[in-house]
Amino acid sequence: MNIGKREISLNKVQKDAEENFRNGYFCCEALVAAIRDNFQLDVPKEVIAMASGMAVGAGRSGCMCGALNGGILALGMFFGRTEQAGPQDPKVVKCMALTHELHDWFKEANGKNAICCRILTREFDMGKGEHKEQCIRFTGLCAWKVAEIVVRELGLTNLDEATA
């Protein structure tokens, strides 16, 4: 996979993910689309479709947050493997470590010390869509962190730091 853009605004990735959600994507689709577009990845739009079933805690099951699921998928695009190898394959080790970092960061950053969609949204009436603004925020948070990890690990330029 080639990255078409070497200078990234983490804040723009976050805002784009939020807007993608507001404009009709689910959380995980919104995040994957924002990462794909902002990094100008040479991957087909079908990577967004791969994320579709991960929404609302995986197929509306309420399990792991779809934004976190999308973040994990996005990290896999950058750091995952495409060839069979053992569990100590350096690509697997790195991808697992970065996924663990995202998981632990999101659990703390969302303010609810949870990653389960059901727990994150339990005070809302899902049928009325009361959860949507919170989920948009969580999607943006995850997108920002994924972009931060990718920029750090690949030595790309964070435009937000460059202008600060």
N, C-alpha and C. Protein backbone atom coordinates (compact mmCIF):
# COMPACT_ATOMS: atom_id res chain seq x y z
N MET A 1 0.85 -1.18 0.00
CA MET A 1 0.00 0.00 0.00
C MET A 1 0.89 1.24 0.00
N ASN A 2 0.56 2.16 -0.85
CA ASN A 2 1.30 3.42 -0.90
C ASN A 2 0.50 4.51 -0.22
N ILE A 3 1.23 5.38 0.46
CA ILE A 3 0.64 6.53 1.12
C ILE A 3 0.91 7.73 0.23
N GLY A 4 -0.15 8.40 -0.20
CA GLY A 4 0.00 9.52 -1.12
C GLY A 4 0.31 10.83 -0.44
N LYS A 5 0.12 10.89 0.86
CA LYS A 5 0.32 12.15 1.56
C LYS A 5 1.21 11.92 2.77
N ARG A 6 2.25 12.71 2.92
CA ARG A 6 3.24 12.55 3.99
C ARG A 6 3.07 13.58 5.10
N GLU A 7 2.20 14.56 4.88
CA GLU A 7 1.93 15.59 5.88
C GLU A 7 0.44 15.53 6.21
N ILE A 8 0.15 15.28 7.48
CA ILE A 8 -1.22 15.00 7.90
C ILE A 8 -1.62 15.92 9.04
N SER A 9 -2.83 16.44 8.97
CA SER A 9 -3.42 17.16 10.10
C SER A 9 -4.29 16.17 10.86
N LEU A 10 -3.88 15.86 12.08
CA LEU A 10 -4.67 14.94 12.91
C LEU A 10 -6.05 15.53 13.19
N ASN A 11 -6.10 16.85 13.37
CA ASN A 11 -7.39 17.49 13.63
C ASN A 11 -8.32 17.38 12.42
N LYS A 12 -7.78 17.47 11.21
CA LYS A 12 -8.60 17.31 10.01
C LYS A 12 -9.11 15.87 9.90
N VAL A 13 -8.26 14.90 10.22
CA VAL A 13 -8.70 13.49 10.20
C VAL A 13 -9.89 13.34 11.16
N GLN A 14 -9.75 13.91 12.35
CA GLN A 14 -10.82 13.83 13.35
C GLN A 14 -12.10 14.47 12.83
N LYS A 15 -11.99 15.68 12.31
CA LYS A 15 -13.18 16.39 11.81
C LYS A 15 -13.82 15.65 10.63
N ASP A 16 -12.99 15.13 9.74
CA ASP A 16 -13.52 14.39 8.59
C ASP A 16 -14.27 13.14 9.03
N ALA A 17 -13.72 12.43 10.01
CA ALA A 17 -14.41 11.23 10.52
C ALA A 17 -15.75 11.61 11.12
N GLU A 18 -15.78 12.70 11.87
CA GLU A 18 -17.04 13.17 12.47
C GLU A 18 -18.05 13.55 11.40
N GLU A 19 -17.59 14.27 10.39
CA GLU A 19 -18.49 14.67 9.30
C GLU A 19 -18.96 13.46 8.49
N ASN A 20 -18.07 12.50 8.28
CA ASN A 20 -18.47 11.28 7.58
C ASN A 20 -19.61 10.59 8.31
N PHE A 21 -19.53 10.56 9.64
CA PHE A 21 -20.59 9.94 10.44
C PHE A 21 -21.87 10.76 10.31
N ARG A 22 -21.76 12.07 10.47
CA ARG A 22 -22.95 12.93 10.37
C ARG A 22 -23.63 12.79 9.01
N ASN A 23 -22.83 12.53 7.96
CA ASN A 23 -23.38 12.52 6.60
C ASN A 23 -23.81 11.14 6.12
N GLY A 24 -23.84 10.14 7.01
CA GLY A 24 -24.44 8.88 6.60
C GLY A 24 -23.64 7.61 6.82
N TYR A 25 -22.36 7.71 7.09
CA TYR A 25 -21.61 6.49 7.42
C TYR A 25 -21.83 6.12 8.88
N PHE A 26 -21.69 4.85 9.19
CA PHE A 26 -21.60 4.42 10.57
C PHE A 26 -20.21 4.78 11.09
N CYS A 27 -20.04 4.65 12.39
CA CYS A 27 -18.78 5.03 13.05
C CYS A 27 -17.55 4.42 12.39
N CYS A 28 -17.53 3.11 12.22
CA CYS A 28 -16.33 2.45 11.70
C CYS A 28 -16.09 2.81 10.24
N GLU A 29 -17.13 2.92 9.46
CA GLU A 29 -16.99 3.33 8.05
C GLU A 29 -16.44 4.76 7.99
N ALA A 30 -16.97 5.63 8.84
CA ALA A 30 -16.56 7.03 8.86
C ALA A 30 -15.08 7.16 9.17
N LEU A 31 -14.60 6.37 10.11
CA LEU A 31 -13.20 6.40 10.49
C LEU A 31 -12.32 5.88 9.36
N VAL A 32 -12.65 4.72 8.82
CA VAL A 32 -11.83 4.14 7.75
C VAL A 32 -11.79 5.08 6.54
N ALA A 33 -12.92 5.67 6.21
CA ALA A 33 -12.95 6.60 5.08
C ALA A 33 -12.07 7.82 5.34
N ALA A 34 -12.10 8.35 6.55
CA ALA A 34 -11.28 9.52 6.88
C ALA A 34 -9.80 9.19 6.81
N ILE A 35 -9.42 8.02 7.28
CA ILE A 35 -8.01 7.61 7.21
C ILE A 35 -7.61 7.40 5.75
N ARG A 36 -8.43 6.67 5.01
CA ARG A 36 -8.12 6.40 3.60
C ARG A 36 -7.94 7.70 2.83
N ASP A 37 -8.87 8.62 3.01
CA ASP A 37 -8.85 9.86 2.23
C ASP A 37 -7.73 10.81 2.67
N ASN A 38 -7.54 10.99 3.96
CA ASN A 38 -6.54 11.94 4.44
C ASN A 38 -5.11 11.49 4.17
N PHE A 39 -4.86 10.19 4.22
CA PHE A 39 -3.53 9.68 3.92
C PHE A 39 -3.37 9.40 2.42
N GLN A 40 -4.45 9.61 1.67
CA GLN A 40 -4.48 9.35 0.23
C GLN A 40 -3.90 7.97 -0.08
N LEU A 41 -4.51 6.96 0.56
CA LEU A 41 -4.05 5.58 0.39
C LEU A 41 -4.48 5.04 -0.96
N ASP A 42 -3.63 4.25 -1.56
CA ASP A 42 -3.97 3.65 -2.85
C ASP A 42 -4.67 2.31 -2.64
N VAL A 43 -5.75 2.37 -1.86
CA VAL A 43 -6.57 1.18 -1.61
C VAL A 43 -7.98 1.48 -2.12
N PRO A 44 -8.67 0.46 -2.59
CA PRO A 44 -10.01 0.71 -3.13
C PRO A 44 -11.01 1.13 -2.05
N LYS A 45 -12.09 1.75 -2.48
CA LYS A 45 -13.13 2.17 -1.55
C LYS A 45 -13.75 0.98 -0.81
N GLU A 46 -13.51 -0.22 -1.32
CA GLU A 46 -14.06 -1.41 -0.66
C GLU A 46 -13.53 -1.60 0.76
N VAL A 47 -12.41 -0.95 1.10
CA VAL A 47 -11.95 -1.05 2.49
C VAL A 47 -12.97 -0.40 3.42
N ILE A 48 -13.68 0.60 2.93
CA ILE A 48 -14.75 1.21 3.72
C ILE A 48 -15.88 0.19 3.90
N ALA A 49 -16.21 -0.51 2.82
CA ALA A 49 -17.27 -1.52 2.89
C ALA A 49 -16.92 -2.63 3.88
N MET A 50 -15.62 -2.96 3.98
CA MET A 50 -15.21 -4.00 4.94
C MET A 50 -15.57 -3.61 6.37
N ALA A 51 -15.66 -2.32 6.64
CA ALA A 51 -15.96 -1.85 7.99
C ALA A 51 -17.47 -1.81 8.28
N SER A 52 -18.30 -1.94 7.28
CA SER A 52 -19.74 -1.74 7.45
C SER A 52 -20.36 -2.62 8.54
N GLY A 53 -19.98 -3.85 8.60
CA GLY A 53 -20.58 -4.76 9.57
C GLY A 53 -20.09 -4.57 10.99
N MET A 54 -19.08 -3.74 11.18
CA MET A 54 -18.51 -3.56 12.51
C MET A 54 -19.23 -2.49 13.32
N ALA A 55 -20.22 -1.86 12.74
CA ALA A 55 -20.93 -0.76 13.41
C ALA A 55 -21.80 -1.24 14.55
N VAL A 56 -22.07 -0.32 15.45
CA VAL A 56 -22.94 -0.52 16.61
C VAL A 56 -22.51 -1.80 17.35
N GLY A 57 -21.22 -1.88 17.59
CA GLY A 57 -20.70 -3.00 18.35
C GLY A 57 -20.70 -4.30 17.58
N ALA A 58 -20.48 -4.28 16.30
CA ALA A 58 -20.44 -5.44 15.40
C ALA A 58 -21.84 -5.96 15.11
N GLY A 59 -22.37 -5.49 14.00
CA GLY A 59 -23.69 -5.94 13.54
C GLY A 59 -24.82 -5.63 14.50
N ARG A 60 -24.74 -4.49 15.16
CA ARG A 60 -25.74 -4.05 16.15
C ARG A 60 -25.82 -4.96 17.37
N SER A 61 -24.75 -5.70 17.65
CA SER A 61 -24.76 -6.60 18.81
C SER A 61 -24.43 -5.87 20.10
N GLY A 62 -23.89 -4.66 20.00
CA GLY A 62 -23.56 -3.89 21.18
C GLY A 62 -22.25 -4.29 21.83
N CYS A 63 -21.45 -5.07 21.12
CA CYS A 63 -20.16 -5.48 21.69
C CYS A 63 -19.14 -4.35 21.53
N MET A 64 -17.95 -4.63 21.09
CA MET A 64 -16.91 -3.61 21.04
C MET A 64 -17.32 -2.44 20.16
N CYS A 65 -17.07 -1.23 20.65
CA CYS A 65 -17.41 0.02 19.96
C CYS A 65 -16.97 -0.02 18.50
N GLY A 66 -17.86 0.35 17.61
CA GLY A 66 -17.56 0.35 16.19
C GLY A 66 -16.46 1.32 15.80
N ALA A 67 -16.35 2.44 16.50
CA ALA A 67 -15.25 3.38 16.20
C ALA A 67 -13.92 2.71 16.50
N LEU A 68 -13.84 2.00 17.61
CA LEU A 68 -12.62 1.28 17.95
C LEU A 68 -12.38 0.17 16.94
N ASN A 69 -13.43 -0.54 16.55
CA ASN A 69 -13.29 -1.57 15.51
C ASN A 69 -12.72 -0.97 14.23
N GLY A 70 -13.23 0.18 13.82
CA GLY A 70 -12.73 0.84 12.62
C GLY A 70 -11.27 1.25 12.77
N GLY A 71 -10.92 1.71 13.96
CA GLY A 71 -9.53 2.08 14.22
C GLY A 71 -8.59 0.89 14.12
N ILE A 72 -9.04 -0.24 14.61
CA ILE A 72 -8.23 -1.46 14.53
C ILE A 72 -8.06 -1.88 13.07
N LEU A 73 -9.14 -1.82 12.31
CA LEU A 73 -9.05 -2.14 10.88
C LEU A 73 -8.08 -1.20 10.17
N ALA A 74 -8.15 0.09 10.50
CA ALA A 74 -7.27 1.06 9.86
C ALA A 74 -5.80 0.79 10.22
N LEU A 75 -5.53 0.48 11.48
CA LEU A 75 -4.15 0.15 11.85
C LEU A 75 -3.68 -1.09 11.09
N GLY A 76 -4.57 -2.04 10.90
CA GLY A 76 -4.22 -3.24 10.14
C GLY A 76 -3.85 -2.93 8.70
N MET A 77 -4.51 -1.91 8.10
CA MET A 77 -4.14 -1.53 6.73
C MET A 77 -2.68 -1.10 6.66
N PHE A 78 -2.23 -0.39 7.67
CA PHE A 78 -0.87 0.13 7.68
C PHE A 78 0.16 -0.89 8.18
N PHE A 79 -0.20 -1.63 9.21
CA PHE A 79 0.80 -2.42 9.91
C PHE A 79 0.54 -3.92 9.92
N GLY A 80 -0.58 -4.35 9.33
CA GLY A 80 -0.90 -5.77 9.30
C GLY A 80 -0.13 -6.51 8.23
N ARG A 81 -0.30 -7.79 8.22
CA ARG A 81 0.44 -8.63 7.26
C ARG A 81 -0.50 -9.17 6.18
N THR A 82 0.10 -9.54 5.09
CA THR A 82 -0.65 -10.14 3.98
C THR A 82 -0.14 -11.53 3.64
N GLU A 83 0.87 -11.96 4.35
CA GLU A 83 1.45 -13.29 4.12
C GLU A 83 1.35 -14.11 5.39
N GLN A 84 1.20 -15.40 5.25
CA GLN A 84 1.13 -16.28 6.40
C GLN A 84 2.49 -16.34 7.09
N ALA A 85 2.45 -16.34 8.39
CA ALA A 85 3.67 -16.46 9.20
C ALA A 85 3.25 -16.79 10.62
N GLY A 86 4.19 -17.10 11.44
CA GLY A 86 3.90 -17.46 12.82
C GLY A 86 3.52 -16.26 13.67
N PRO A 87 3.09 -16.52 14.91
CA PRO A 87 2.64 -15.44 15.79
C PRO A 87 3.74 -14.48 16.22
N GLN A 88 4.99 -14.83 16.02
CA GLN A 88 6.09 -13.94 16.37
C GLN A 88 6.59 -13.12 15.18
N ASP A 89 5.89 -13.22 14.05
CA ASP A 89 6.21 -12.40 12.88
C ASP A 89 6.26 -10.94 13.35
N PRO A 90 7.34 -10.23 13.04
CA PRO A 90 7.47 -8.84 13.50
C PRO A 90 6.29 -7.95 13.13
N LYS A 91 5.68 -8.17 11.96
CA LYS A 91 4.50 -7.37 11.58
C LYS A 91 3.34 -7.62 12.54
N VAL A 92 3.14 -8.88 12.91
CA VAL A 92 2.06 -9.21 13.83
C VAL A 92 2.32 -8.60 15.19
N VAL A 93 3.54 -8.74 15.66
CA VAL A 93 3.90 -8.21 16.97
C VAL A 93 3.65 -6.70 17.02
N LYS A 94 4.10 -5.99 15.99
CA LYS A 94 3.91 -4.54 15.94
C LYS A 94 2.43 -4.17 15.84
N CYS A 95 1.71 -4.82 14.96
CA CYS A 95 0.29 -4.51 14.77
C CYS A 95 -0.48 -4.76 16.07
N MET A 96 -0.18 -5.84 16.73
CA MET A 96 -0.85 -6.16 18.00
C MET A 96 -0.53 -5.10 19.06
N ALA A 97 0.73 -4.68 19.14
CA ALA A 97 1.12 -3.67 20.12
C ALA A 97 0.41 -2.33 19.86
N LEU A 98 0.33 -1.93 18.59
CA LEU A 98 -0.32 -0.67 18.26
C LEU A 98 -1.83 -0.75 18.50
N THR A 99 -2.42 -1.90 18.22
CA THR A 99 -3.84 -2.11 18.49
C THR A 99 -4.10 -2.03 19.99
N HIS A 100 -3.23 -2.65 20.77
CA HIS A 100 -3.37 -2.61 22.23
C HIS A 100 -3.27 -1.16 22.72
N GLU A 101 -2.34 -0.40 22.15
CA GLU A 101 -2.19 1.02 22.50
C GLU A 101 -3.49 1.77 22.22
N LEU A 102 -4.07 1.57 21.04
CA LEU A 102 -5.33 2.23 20.69
C LEU A 102 -6.43 1.83 21.65
N HIS A 103 -6.56 0.55 21.92
CA HIS A 103 -7.58 0.03 22.84
C HIS A 103 -7.49 0.71 24.20
N ASP A 104 -6.31 0.66 24.80
CA ASP A 104 -6.14 1.21 26.14
C ASP A 104 -6.35 2.72 26.16
N TRP A 105 -5.86 3.40 25.13
CA TRP A 105 -6.03 4.85 25.04
C TRP A 105 -7.52 5.21 24.93
N PHE A 106 -8.24 4.53 24.04
CA PHE A 106 -9.65 4.84 23.84
C PHE A 106 -10.46 4.57 25.11
N LYS A 107 -10.17 3.49 25.78
CA LYS A 107 -10.89 3.13 27.01
C LYS A 107 -10.80 4.26 28.03
N GLU A 108 -9.63 4.89 28.11
CA GLU A 108 -9.45 6.00 29.04
C GLU A 108 -9.98 7.31 28.46
N ALA A 109 -9.70 7.57 27.19
CA ALA A 109 -10.04 8.87 26.57
C ALA A 109 -11.54 9.11 26.46
N ASN A 110 -12.33 8.03 26.36
CA ASN A 110 -13.78 8.25 26.19
C ASN A 110 -14.46 8.64 27.50
N GLY A 111 -13.73 8.57 28.61
CA GLY A 111 -14.27 9.01 29.89
C GLY A 111 -15.20 8.03 30.57
N LYS A 112 -15.40 6.87 29.98
CA LYS A 112 -16.32 5.88 30.56
C LYS A 112 -15.61 4.59 30.95
N ASN A 113 -14.30 4.55 30.74
CA ASN A 113 -13.49 3.38 31.09
C ASN A 113 -14.10 2.09 30.54
N ALA A 114 -14.55 2.16 29.29
CA ALA A 114 -15.21 1.01 28.66
C ALA A 114 -14.94 1.05 27.17
N ILE A 115 -15.10 -0.10 26.53
CA ILE A 115 -15.02 -0.17 25.07
C ILE A 115 -16.26 -0.85 24.48
N CYS A 116 -17.13 -1.32 25.33
CA CYS A 116 -18.35 -2.04 24.91
C CYS A 116 -19.42 -1.02 24.52
N CYS A 117 -19.93 -1.12 23.32
CA CYS A 117 -20.96 -0.21 22.81
C CYS A 117 -22.15 -0.13 23.78
N ARG A 118 -22.59 -1.27 24.29
CA ARG A 118 -23.73 -1.30 25.20
C ARG A 118 -23.48 -0.45 26.44
N ILE A 119 -22.27 -0.51 26.96
CA ILE A 119 -21.93 0.26 28.16
C ILE A 119 -21.76 1.74 27.80
N LEU A 120 -21.11 2.01 26.70
CA LEU A 120 -20.88 3.39 26.29
C LEU A 120 -22.17 4.14 26.00
N THR A 121 -23.21 3.42 25.61
CA THR A 121 -24.47 4.06 25.20
C THR A 121 -25.64 3.74 26.14
N ARG A 122 -25.39 3.13 27.29
CA ARG A 122 -26.51 2.64 28.11
C ARG A 122 -27.46 3.71 28.61
N GLU A 123 -26.98 4.95 28.74
CA GLU A 123 -27.91 5.99 29.24
C GLU A 123 -28.77 6.58 28.13
N PHE A 124 -28.58 6.14 26.92
CA PHE A 124 -29.32 6.70 25.78
C PHE A 124 -30.40 5.74 25.28
N ASP A 125 -31.43 6.33 24.69
CA ASP A 125 -32.44 5.55 23.98
C ASP A 125 -31.94 5.41 22.54
N MET A 126 -31.40 4.23 22.22
CA MET A 126 -30.82 4.03 20.89
C MET A 126 -31.86 4.22 19.79
N GLY A 127 -33.11 3.85 20.04
CA GLY A 127 -34.16 3.98 19.05
C GLY A 127 -34.44 5.42 18.66
N LYS A 128 -34.16 6.35 19.58
CA LYS A 128 -34.39 7.77 19.33
C LYS A 128 -33.14 8.46 18.79
N GLY A 129 -32.05 7.73 18.71
CA GLY A 129 -30.82 8.30 18.18
C GLY A 129 -30.11 9.25 19.13
N GLU A 130 -30.44 9.18 20.42
CA GLU A 130 -29.84 10.08 21.41
C GLU A 130 -28.33 9.91 21.52
N HIS A 131 -27.85 8.76 21.16
CA HIS A 131 -26.42 8.43 21.30
C HIS A 131 -25.55 9.04 20.20
N LYS A 132 -26.16 9.51 19.14
CA LYS A 132 -25.39 9.81 17.93
C LYS A 132 -24.28 10.84 18.16
N GLU A 133 -24.55 11.94 18.87
CA GLU A 133 -23.50 12.95 19.07
C GLU A 133 -22.32 12.38 19.84
N GLN A 134 -22.60 11.56 20.85
CA GLN A 134 -21.50 10.93 21.58
C GLN A 134 -20.71 10.01 20.65
N CYS A 135 -21.39 9.24 19.85
CA CYS A 135 -20.72 8.31 18.94
C CYS A 135 -19.91 9.05 17.88
N ILE A 136 -20.42 10.18 17.42
CA ILE A 136 -19.66 11.00 16.49
C ILE A 136 -18.36 11.46 17.15
N ARG A 137 -18.46 11.89 18.40
CA ARG A 137 -17.27 12.34 19.14
C ARG A 137 -16.28 11.19 19.31
N PHE A 138 -16.77 10.01 19.68
CA PHE A 138 -15.89 8.85 19.87
C PHE A 138 -15.22 8.45 18.55
N THR A 139 -15.95 8.57 17.45
CA THR A 139 -15.39 8.25 16.13
C THR A 139 -14.25 9.21 15.82
N GLY A 140 -14.47 10.49 16.07
CA GLY A 140 -13.42 11.47 15.85
C GLY A 140 -12.21 11.23 16.74
N LEU A 141 -12.46 10.89 18.00
CA LEU A 141 -11.35 10.59 18.92
C LEU A 141 -10.50 9.45 18.40
N CYS A 142 -11.16 8.36 18.01
CA CYS A 142 -10.43 7.18 17.51
C CYS A 142 -9.68 7.50 16.23
N ALA A 143 -10.30 8.25 15.35
CA ALA A 143 -9.64 8.61 14.09
C ALA A 143 -8.39 9.44 14.37
N TRP A 144 -8.50 10.39 15.31
CA TRP A 144 -7.35 11.21 15.68
C TRP A 144 -6.22 10.34 16.19
N LYS A 145 -6.54 9.40 17.09
CA LYS A 145 -5.50 8.56 17.68
C LYS A 145 -4.87 7.63 16.64
N VAL A 146 -5.67 7.06 15.75
CA VAL A 146 -5.11 6.22 14.69
C VAL A 146 -4.15 7.04 13.84
N ALA A 147 -4.56 8.24 13.45
CA ALA A 147 -3.70 9.11 12.65
C ALA A 147 -2.43 9.44 13.42
N GLU A 148 -2.54 9.69 14.71
CA GLU A 148 -1.37 10.01 15.53
C GLU A 148 -0.39 8.84 15.56
N ILE A 149 -0.92 7.64 15.72
CA ILE A 149 -0.07 6.44 15.73
C ILE A 149 0.62 6.26 14.37
N VAL A 150 -0.13 6.39 13.29
CA VAL A 150 0.43 6.19 11.95
C VAL A 150 1.50 7.23 11.66
N VAL A 151 1.21 8.47 11.96
CA VAL A 151 2.18 9.55 11.73
C VAL A 151 3.46 9.28 12.53
N ARG A 152 3.30 8.93 13.78
CA ARG A 152 4.46 8.65 14.64
C ARG A 152 5.27 7.47 14.13
N GLU A 153 4.59 6.37 13.85
CA GLU A 153 5.28 5.13 13.48
C GLU A 153 5.93 5.20 12.10
N LEU A 154 5.35 5.97 11.20
CA LEU A 154 5.90 6.05 9.84
C LEU A 154 6.76 7.29 9.62
N GLY A 155 6.93 8.08 10.67
CA GLY A 155 7.78 9.26 10.55
C GLY A 155 7.21 10.32 9.63
N LEU A 156 5.89 10.43 9.57
CA LEU A 156 5.25 11.44 8.74
C LEU A 156 5.19 12.77 9.50
N THR A 157 4.79 13.81 8.82
CA THR A 157 4.71 15.13 9.44
C THR A 157 3.29 15.38 9.97
N ASN A 158 3.22 15.78 11.24
CA ASN A 158 1.96 16.18 11.86
C ASN A 158 1.82 17.67 11.63
N LEU A 159 0.94 18.07 10.73
CA LEU A 159 0.77 19.48 10.40
C LEU A 159 0.29 20.31 11.58
N ASP A 160 -0.42 19.69 12.51
CA ASP A 160 -0.91 20.42 13.69
C ASP A 160 0.25 20.85 14.58
N GLU A 161 1.28 20.02 14.68
CA GLU A 161 2.47 20.39 15.47
C GLU A 161 3.29 21.42 14.70
N ALA A 162 3.33 21.28 13.39
CA ALA A 162 4.14 22.18 12.57
C ALA A 162 3.63 23.62 12.63
N THR A 163 2.32 23.78 12.87
CA THR A 163 1.74 25.12 12.90
C THR A 163 1.50 25.63 14.30
N ALA A 164 1.77 24.81 15.31
CA ALA A 164 1.50 25.21 16.70
C ALA A 164 2.56 26.15 17.23
